[in-house]
Amino acid sequence: MKQNKIKFISIMVSAAVIISFSCSVHAGQTYKLALSLAITGPTSDAGNPYAKGVEDYFKYVNDNKLLGDDIIECTIRDDQYKTDVTKRNFEEFLDNGIVFYLNYSTGSTLALKQDFEEEKIPVIPASFHAGNLVDSNYIFLPIASYSAQCIGLAEYVAAHHKGGGIPKAAMFIHPSAFGRGPVEDVEKAVKAGLNMEIVEVTEHGKDLDNTAMLQRFISKGVQYVITQTIQSPVATLLKDANRLGLAAKSFGEEGKLTFLGAHYTGGNDLIALAGPAAENFFWTTSYTLTSEPGPGTDMQLALAKKYGRDDKAANSHNYTNGIMAAQVAAECIIRAKAKGSKITRETLYNELLAMNGDNAFKLDTTVGPVTYSKTDHEGVDNLQLYSVQNGVFKSVGKPFSPEYSKKIK
């Protein structure tokens, strides 16, 4: 009964989305794509704006005839972060004849990896887990992996540590493959010569008080905490550190804790959740932010306005995240059409593999170009470090590519 109810809801959601995408009558081809993700349930704070970004950009492609008379029809379904629902959605998408697939979570991407291989379908997930790429030919990460992000944060710590000696750090991670993924790679980077000591790795639970853990960090001489999780536990962590007077007022303040985090730990939602405690939180991602206006953010805000999104969605980095995934998928179709190729899974896969060198995809929603090849399935290699200053994220330095993420491969 419960399964029937979920299926009914999924059909209604997807039907609504398909209707919103459809044109009345068109003379061209229809290319079917699909996305399964958490619009409700765990991590929906990221999935909801991501879905809107994908939906709006494909609407833009169709409304502005970027494919001529052809259109993209992208079915979007809520899987509530449940891998079994994602798998069922994916099987139904295949029956509908999709040529490109956008997935979401780390767990479902790992679980469906073999299915993607058997179906030979190009996939861009919202998960940046490096393990997605192991024994895979068809998964393409949109930006640098969580491992590269955490290594990049560790490199920044090593280069800017104050107080002398080897900087001591702790990792505060989500209790899942998503959270654990980068730990081994950061440890490899340290063994390869990165000047940092990882004193402790802690998987958070649902605790509402981190007092004991934070005091333990201080007693062990920890000065930096690298977080790889979602925003809400980081917000609690920052509030607790501020309440205890343990949060650094500037990067590397001696005797205090400086907090840093990868893509899904930061953004405006973190500031909304943590309030003033978010000040001086250091965060990295490959996306441009609306707090720093530019061509990409102008386009993003105009897109959100055109399709009636509220300010929260319009300024979310996960709205950008969804737009970017849709941009890459649409660009593959545009390039294949320009060559006179029939739009199939194979031709779109080959367009991804050819996206390098002079054919790199340069777009304004990221801090570097998208490049893929047979041996490189991480799209944007560059990262940008941001920190919260006076209630908004601001750039710290220029975009960079983590040195040790290449050394440990």
Protein backbone atom coordinates (compact mmCIF):
# COMPACT_ATOMS: atom_id res chain seq x y z
CA MET A 1 0.00 0.00 0.00
CA LYS A 2 2.83 2.33 0.96
CA GLN A 3 4.68 1.50 -2.25
CA ASN A 4 1.55 2.17 -4.31
CA LYS A 5 1.19 5.54 -2.62
CA ILE A 6 4.83 6.45 -3.33
CA LYS A 7 4.42 5.36 -6.96
CA PHE A 8 1.26 7.44 -7.31
CA ILE A 9 3.02 10.52 -5.87
CA SER A 10 5.98 9.96 -8.18
CA ILE A 11 3.72 9.71 -11.22
CA MET A 12 1.91 12.91 -10.24
CA VAL A 13 5.18 14.81 -9.64
CA SER A 14 6.72 13.65 -12.90
CA ALA A 15 3.51 14.31 -14.81
CA ALA A 16 3.46 17.86 -13.50
CA VAL A 17 7.07 18.42 -14.47
CA ILE A 18 6.67 16.90 -17.94
CA ILE A 19 3.63 19.06 -18.56
CA SER A 20 5.61 22.15 -17.62
CA PHE A 21 8.27 21.23 -20.14
CA SER A 22 6.05 20.36 -23.06
CA CYS A 23 5.36 22.57 -25.99
CA SER A 24 1.97 22.31 -27.65
CA VAL A 25 3.13 21.09 -31.05
CA HIS A 26 6.60 21.15 -32.52
CA ALA A 27 8.09 20.01 -35.77
CA GLY A 28 11.41 18.82 -34.43
CA GLN A 29 12.78 15.94 -32.38
CA THR A 30 12.18 15.39 -28.66
CA TYR A 31 15.18 14.28 -26.62
CA LYS A 32 14.26 12.54 -23.39
CA LEU A 33 16.37 13.04 -20.29
CA ALA A 34 15.59 12.33 -16.64
CA LEU A 35 16.54 13.21 -13.10
CA SER A 36 15.79 11.34 -9.87
CA LEU A 37 16.59 13.14 -6.62
CA ALA A 38 15.50 14.11 -3.13
CA ILE A 39 12.96 16.90 -3.57
CA THR A 40 11.53 15.89 -0.19
CA GLY A 41 13.08 14.03 2.74
CA PRO A 42 16.76 13.95 3.80
CA THR A 43 19.06 16.39 1.92
CA SER A 44 16.08 17.97 0.16
CA ASP A 45 17.46 21.37 1.19
CA ALA A 46 20.00 20.73 -1.59
CA GLY A 47 17.84 18.59 -3.88
CA ASN A 48 14.92 21.01 -4.09
CA PRO A 49 16.86 23.96 -5.56
CA TYR A 50 18.93 21.55 -7.68
CA ALA A 51 15.75 20.23 -9.32
CA LYS A 52 14.59 23.79 -9.99
CA GLY A 53 17.92 24.64 -11.62
CA VAL A 54 17.69 21.65 -13.97
CA GLU A 55 14.04 22.33 -14.79
CA ASP A 56 14.55 26.04 -15.45
CA TYR A 57 17.60 25.66 -17.66
CA PHE A 58 15.95 23.06 -19.90
CA LYS A 59 12.89 25.32 -20.14
CA TYR A 60 15.24 28.11 -21.19
CA VAL A 61 16.78 25.87 -23.87
CA ASN A 62 13.35 25.07 -25.27
CA ASP A 63 11.87 28.56 -24.96
CA ASN A 64 14.87 30.16 -26.67
CA LYS A 65 15.16 27.44 -29.32
CA LEU A 66 18.80 26.68 -28.57
CA LEU A 67 18.15 23.35 -30.31
CA GLY A 68 16.16 24.86 -33.18
CA ASP A 69 12.85 23.05 -33.53
CA ASP A 70 14.02 20.21 -31.30
CA ILE A 71 13.23 20.17 -27.58
CA ILE A 72 14.42 18.53 -24.38
CA GLU A 73 11.84 16.69 -22.29
CA CYS A 74 13.31 16.01 -18.84
CA THR A 75 11.30 13.95 -16.38
CA ILE A 76 12.08 14.87 -12.77
CA ARG A 77 11.01 12.58 -9.94
CA ASP A 78 11.31 12.77 -6.19
CA ASP A 79 13.03 9.69 -4.72
CA GLN A 80 13.11 10.99 -1.13
CA TYR A 81 16.82 9.99 -0.92
CA LYS A 82 15.79 6.31 -1.08
CA THR A 83 18.00 4.18 -3.31
CA ASP A 84 15.29 1.60 -4.04
CA VAL A 85 13.01 4.38 -5.30
CA THR A 86 15.85 5.85 -7.38
CA LYS A 87 16.45 2.45 -8.97
CA ARG A 88 12.77 2.05 -9.79
CA ASN A 89 12.65 5.53 -11.26
CA PHE A 90 15.73 4.84 -13.39
CA GLU A 91 14.24 1.61 -14.78
CA GLU A 92 11.08 3.48 -15.77
CA PHE A 93 13.14 6.27 -17.35
CA LEU A 94 14.90 3.64 -19.48
CA ASP A 95 11.54 2.33 -20.65
CA ASN A 96 10.75 5.88 -21.77
CA GLY A 97 13.85 6.00 -23.96
CA ILE A 98 16.13 8.48 -22.19
CA VAL A 99 19.48 9.33 -23.81
CA PHE A 100 21.12 11.07 -20.82
CA TYR A 101 20.55 10.70 -17.08
CA LEU A 102 21.08 13.00 -14.11
CA ASN A 103 21.36 11.22 -10.76
CA TYR A 104 21.68 12.65 -7.25
CA SER A 105 22.93 10.84 -4.14
CA THR A 106 26.22 9.04 -3.51
CA GLY A 107 24.44 5.89 -2.32
CA SER A 108 22.23 5.54 -5.38
CA THR A 109 25.05 6.42 -7.77
CA LEU A 110 27.19 3.64 -6.30
CA ALA A 111 24.25 1.23 -6.28
CA LEU A 112 23.35 1.91 -9.93
CA LYS A 113 26.92 2.08 -11.25
CA GLN A 114 26.73 -1.37 -12.86
CA ASP A 115 23.33 -0.55 -14.39
CA PHE A 116 24.85 2.55 -16.02
CA GLU A 117 27.63 0.36 -17.45
CA GLU A 118 25.18 -2.19 -18.83
CA GLU A 119 22.94 0.47 -20.35
CA LYS A 120 25.93 2.48 -21.65
CA ILE A 121 24.21 5.73 -20.67
CA PRO A 122 26.09 8.94 -19.75
CA VAL A 123 25.33 10.04 -16.19
CA ILE A 124 26.05 13.24 -14.27
CA PRO A 125 25.28 12.84 -10.54
CA ALA A 126 24.95 15.60 -7.95
CA SER A 127 27.31 13.49 -5.82
CA PHE A 128 30.98 14.44 -6.22
CA HIS A 129 32.23 11.25 -4.54
CA ALA A 130 35.51 10.11 -6.15
CA GLY A 131 34.46 6.49 -5.60
CA ASN A 132 31.68 6.97 -8.15
CA LEU A 133 34.39 6.87 -10.81
CA VAL A 134 36.03 3.61 -9.72
CA ASP A 135 35.32 0.86 -12.31
CA SER A 136 33.00 3.22 -14.16
CA ASN A 137 33.05 4.47 -17.74
CA TYR A 138 29.76 6.35 -17.86
CA ILE A 139 29.68 8.51 -14.70
CA PHE A 140 30.97 12.08 -15.02
CA LEU A 141 31.34 14.30 -11.94
CA PRO A 142 30.33 17.90 -12.72
CA ILE A 143 33.12 19.44 -10.62
CA ALA A 144 36.14 18.41 -8.55
CA SER A 145 35.46 15.49 -6.20
CA TYR A 146 34.85 15.80 -2.46
CA SER A 147 38.35 14.35 -2.06
CA ALA A 148 39.87 17.13 -4.17
CA GLN A 149 37.85 19.70 -2.23
CA CYS A 150 39.00 18.43 1.18
CA ILE A 151 42.59 18.14 -0.03
CA GLY A 152 42.34 21.71 -1.34
CA LEU A 153 41.17 22.88 2.09
CA ALA A 154 44.02 20.95 3.74
CA GLU A 155 46.52 22.57 1.36
CA TYR A 156 45.19 25.99 2.33
CA VAL A 157 45.63 25.09 6.00
CA ALA A 158 49.20 23.91 5.41
CA ALA A 159 50.08 27.08 3.47
CA HIS A 160 48.48 29.59 5.86
CA HIS A 161 48.89 27.96 9.29
CA LYS A 162 49.90 30.35 12.05
CA GLY A 163 51.83 29.56 15.18
CA GLY A 164 54.56 27.27 13.86
CA GLY A 165 54.82 23.49 13.91
CA ILE A 166 52.70 21.05 11.95
CA PRO A 167 49.06 22.18 11.85
CA LYS A 168 46.74 19.74 13.60
CA ALA A 169 43.34 19.07 12.08
CA ALA A 170 40.22 17.01 12.71
CA MET A 171 37.71 15.85 10.13
CA PHE A 172 33.99 16.09 10.98
CA ILE A 173 32.11 13.89 8.51
CA HIS A 174 28.69 12.54 7.57
CA PRO A 175 28.17 8.90 8.67
CA SER A 176 27.92 7.55 5.12
CA ALA A 177 29.95 6.87 1.97
CA PHE A 178 29.34 10.52 1.09
CA GLY A 179 31.10 11.65 4.27
CA ARG A 180 33.76 8.94 4.53
CA GLY A 181 34.87 9.08 0.91
CA PRO A 182 37.48 11.87 1.16
CA VAL A 183 39.11 10.72 4.44
CA GLU A 184 41.40 8.12 2.90
CA ASP A 185 42.46 10.51 0.14
CA VAL A 186 43.30 13.30 2.58
CA GLU A 187 45.33 10.78 4.61
CA LYS A 188 47.11 9.76 1.38
CA ALA A 189 47.93 13.41 0.69
CA VAL A 190 49.44 13.75 4.17
CA LYS A 191 51.56 10.63 3.61
CA ALA A 192 52.64 12.08 0.25
CA GLY A 193 54.06 15.14 2.01
CA LEU A 194 51.19 17.53 2.73
CA ASN A 195 52.26 19.34 5.91
CA MET A 196 49.32 18.56 8.21
CA GLU A 197 48.48 16.06 10.95
CA ILE A 198 45.01 14.53 11.06
CA VAL A 199 44.45 14.06 14.78
CA GLU A 200 40.91 12.68 14.70
CA VAL A 201 38.10 11.73 12.31
CA THR A 202 34.63 11.99 13.82
CA GLU A 203 31.37 10.84 12.26
CA HIS A 204 28.57 12.98 13.59
CA GLY A 205 25.27 11.62 14.81
CA LYS A 206 22.09 13.48 15.49
CA ASP A 207 23.51 15.04 18.66
CA LEU A 208 22.34 18.54 19.44
CA ASP A 209 25.42 19.32 21.54
CA ASN A 210 29.03 19.02 20.40
CA THR A 211 30.55 20.35 23.64
CA ALA A 212 32.49 17.22 24.60
CA MET A 213 33.87 16.72 21.09
CA LEU A 214 34.98 20.35 20.71
CA GLN A 215 36.70 20.37 24.09
CA ARG A 216 38.44 17.11 23.13
CA PHE A 217 39.67 18.71 19.91
CA ILE A 218 41.18 21.61 21.88
CA SER A 219 42.80 19.25 24.39
CA LYS A 220 44.49 17.43 21.51
CA GLY A 221 45.85 20.65 20.05
CA VAL A 222 43.49 20.64 17.05
CA GLN A 223 43.37 24.03 15.39
CA TYR A 224 41.44 23.28 12.17
CA VAL A 225 38.24 21.27 11.56
CA ILE A 226 37.54 20.14 7.97
CA THR A 227 33.87 19.24 7.52
CA GLN A 228 32.41 16.93 4.86
CA THR A 229 28.69 16.65 5.49
CA ILE A 230 25.54 18.75 5.00
CA GLN A 231 24.71 22.19 6.35
CA SER A 232 22.59 21.48 9.45
CA PRO A 233 25.21 19.57 11.51
CA VAL A 234 27.82 22.17 10.55
CA ALA A 235 25.50 24.94 11.73
CA THR A 236 25.10 23.18 15.10
CA LEU A 237 28.87 22.70 15.31
CA LEU A 238 29.56 26.38 14.63
CA LYS A 239 26.96 27.53 17.16
CA ASP A 240 28.41 25.26 19.83
CA ALA A 241 31.97 26.44 19.13
CA ASN A 242 30.87 30.07 19.41
CA ARG A 243 28.89 29.40 22.60
CA LEU A 244 31.99 27.86 24.16
CA GLY A 245 34.26 30.67 22.96
CA LEU A 246 36.31 28.21 20.88
CA ALA A 247 35.67 29.59 17.37
CA ALA A 248 38.58 31.46 15.77
CA LYS A 249 37.89 35.11 14.97
CA SER A 250 40.42 34.97 12.14
CA PHE A 251 41.96 32.15 10.12
CA GLY A 252 44.33 30.05 12.24
CA GLU A 253 43.87 31.99 15.49
CA GLU A 254 46.03 30.14 18.02
CA GLY A 255 44.19 28.20 20.72
CA LYS A 256 40.92 28.36 18.78
CA LEU A 257 39.22 26.31 16.07
CA THR A 258 39.00 27.41 12.43
CA PHE A 259 36.24 25.60 10.53
CA LEU A 260 36.31 24.72 6.84
CA GLY A 261 34.02 22.65 4.60
CA ALA A 262 33.36 21.10 1.19
CA HIS A 263 30.51 21.94 -1.23
CA TYR A 264 27.42 20.66 0.62
CA THR A 265 28.44 22.17 3.98
CA GLY A 266 28.17 25.80 2.92
CA GLY A 267 26.08 28.31 1.01
CA ASN A 268 23.36 30.69 2.08
CA ASP A 269 21.46 27.97 3.90
CA LEU A 270 24.36 27.57 6.31
CA ILE A 271 24.33 31.30 7.06
CA ALA A 272 20.56 31.14 7.61
CA LEU A 273 20.95 28.19 9.99
CA ALA A 274 24.05 29.31 11.91
CA GLY A 275 23.48 33.09 11.92
CA PRO A 276 26.46 35.10 13.27
CA ALA A 277 28.24 31.83 14.18
CA ALA A 278 28.90 31.31 10.45
CA GLU A 279 31.38 34.22 10.40
CA ASN A 280 34.86 33.12 9.28
CA PHE A 281 33.67 29.72 8.06
CA PHE A 282 35.86 28.77 5.09
CA TRP A 283 34.20 26.87 2.26
CA THR A 284 35.13 25.61 -1.17
CA THR A 285 33.20 24.79 -4.32
CA SER A 286 33.64 25.22 -8.07
CA TYR A 287 30.52 27.36 -8.50
CA THR A 288 30.15 31.12 -8.72
CA LEU A 289 27.98 32.74 -6.04
CA THR A 290 25.35 35.44 -6.34
CA SER A 291 27.02 37.29 -3.44
CA GLU A 292 29.73 38.14 -5.98
CA PRO A 293 27.93 39.46 -9.10
CA GLY A 294 29.23 38.49 -12.53
CA PRO A 295 27.98 37.20 -15.91
CA GLY A 296 27.13 33.74 -14.53
CA THR A 297 25.24 35.01 -11.50
CA ASP A 298 23.42 37.61 -13.64
CA MET A 299 22.22 34.77 -15.89
CA GLN A 300 21.23 32.68 -12.88
CA LEU A 301 19.18 35.44 -11.26
CA ALA A 302 17.52 36.29 -14.59
CA LEU A 303 16.62 32.63 -15.11
CA ALA A 304 15.14 32.40 -11.62
CA LYS A 305 13.12 35.56 -12.19
CA LYS A 306 11.87 34.39 -15.60
CA TYR A 307 10.53 31.16 -14.12
CA GLY A 308 9.17 32.66 -10.90
CA ARG A 309 11.61 31.32 -8.31
CA ASP A 310 11.83 32.92 -4.88
CA ASP A 311 14.99 34.60 -3.58
CA LYS A 312 16.03 31.55 -1.58
CA ALA A 313 16.11 29.30 -4.64
CA ALA A 314 17.53 32.01 -6.89
CA ASN A 315 20.53 32.56 -4.62
CA SER A 316 21.18 28.92 -3.75
CA HIS A 317 24.47 27.41 -4.94
CA ASN A 318 22.54 24.20 -5.47
CA TYR A 319 20.26 26.01 -7.93
CA THR A 320 23.55 26.84 -9.72
CA ASN A 321 24.57 23.20 -9.33
CA GLY A 322 21.43 22.04 -11.15
CA ILE A 323 21.74 24.68 -13.86
CA MET A 324 25.31 23.61 -14.56
CA ALA A 325 24.45 19.90 -14.91
CA ALA A 326 21.69 20.84 -17.36
CA GLN A 327 24.08 23.13 -19.25
CA VAL A 328 26.53 20.28 -19.79
CA ALA A 329 23.82 17.87 -20.97
CA ALA A 330 22.34 20.46 -23.35
CA GLU A 331 25.80 21.35 -24.66
CA CYS A 332 26.40 17.71 -25.60
CA ILE A 333 23.20 17.71 -27.66
CA ILE A 334 24.08 21.05 -29.29
CA ARG A 335 27.54 19.77 -30.27
CA ALA A 336 26.25 16.45 -31.58
CA LYS A 337 23.58 18.22 -33.66
CA ALA A 338 26.22 20.59 -35.09
CA LYS A 339 28.06 17.53 -36.40
CA GLY A 340 24.90 16.13 -37.92
CA SER A 341 24.94 13.18 -35.53
CA LYS A 342 21.84 11.35 -34.43
CA ILE A 343 21.19 12.03 -30.75
CA THR A 344 21.81 8.77 -28.92
CA ARG A 345 23.39 7.69 -25.65
CA GLU A 346 26.56 6.82 -27.59
CA THR A 347 26.89 10.16 -29.40
CA LEU A 348 26.31 12.14 -26.19
CA TYR A 349 28.82 9.95 -24.34
CA ASN A 350 31.37 10.64 -27.07
CA GLU A 351 30.70 14.39 -26.83
CA LEU A 352 31.53 14.26 -23.12
CA LEU A 353 34.78 12.41 -23.80
CA ALA A 354 35.74 15.02 -26.43
CA MET A 355 35.11 17.95 -24.06
CA ASN A 356 38.76 18.93 -23.55
CA GLY A 357 41.55 21.08 -25.01
CA ASP A 358 40.07 23.48 -27.55
CA ASN A 359 36.72 21.75 -27.02
CA ALA A 360 36.57 22.46 -23.28
CA PHE A 361 33.14 23.78 -22.27
CA LYS A 362 33.55 27.30 -20.89
CA LEU A 363 30.57 28.48 -18.90
CA ASP A 364 30.00 31.31 -16.42
CA THR A 365 28.38 29.33 -13.61
CA THR A 366 31.71 27.79 -12.57
CA VAL A 367 35.19 29.12 -11.78
CA GLY A 368 36.83 27.06 -14.51
CA PRO A 369 36.01 25.19 -17.72
CA VAL A 370 34.42 21.73 -17.90
CA THR A 371 36.88 19.18 -19.26
CA TYR A 372 36.45 15.43 -19.64
CA SER A 373 38.36 12.66 -21.37
CA LYS A 374 38.63 8.87 -21.19
CA THR A 375 40.93 9.22 -18.17
CA ASP A 376 39.41 12.33 -16.58
CA HIS A 377 35.77 12.26 -15.48
CA GLU A 378 35.92 15.23 -13.06
CA GLY A 379 34.48 18.21 -14.92
CA VAL A 380 35.68 21.48 -13.37
CA ASP A 381 39.13 21.02 -11.84
CA ASN A 382 39.34 24.50 -10.32
CA LEU A 383 38.03 25.37 -6.88
CA GLN A 384 37.33 28.72 -5.26
CA LEU A 385 37.75 29.30 -1.53
CA TYR A 386 35.10 31.49 0.10
CA SER A 387 34.63 32.68 3.67
CA VAL A 388 31.72 34.30 5.47
CA GLN A 389 32.43 38.00 5.98
CA ASN A 390 29.72 40.25 7.43
CA GLY A 391 27.05 37.67 6.75
CA VAL A 392 27.86 36.74 3.12
CA PHE A 393 30.33 34.44 1.39
CA LYS A 394 33.21 36.31 -0.23
CA SER A 395 36.10 34.98 -2.34
CA VAL A 396 39.43 34.31 -0.69
CA GLY A 397 42.21 34.46 -3.28
CA LYS A 398 41.92 33.16 -6.83
CA PRO A 399 40.59 29.82 -8.17
CA PHE A 400 43.05 27.00 -7.67
CA SER A 401 43.56 23.34 -8.48
CA PRO A 402 44.62 21.14 -5.51
CA GLU A 403 48.17 19.92 -6.07
CA TYR A 404 48.01 16.78 -3.94
CA SER A 405 44.82 15.44 -5.50
CA LYS A 406 46.91 14.84 -8.63
CA LYS A 407 49.92 13.49 -6.71
CA ILE A 408 47.95 10.68 -5.02
CA LYS A 409 46.36 9.35 -8.22
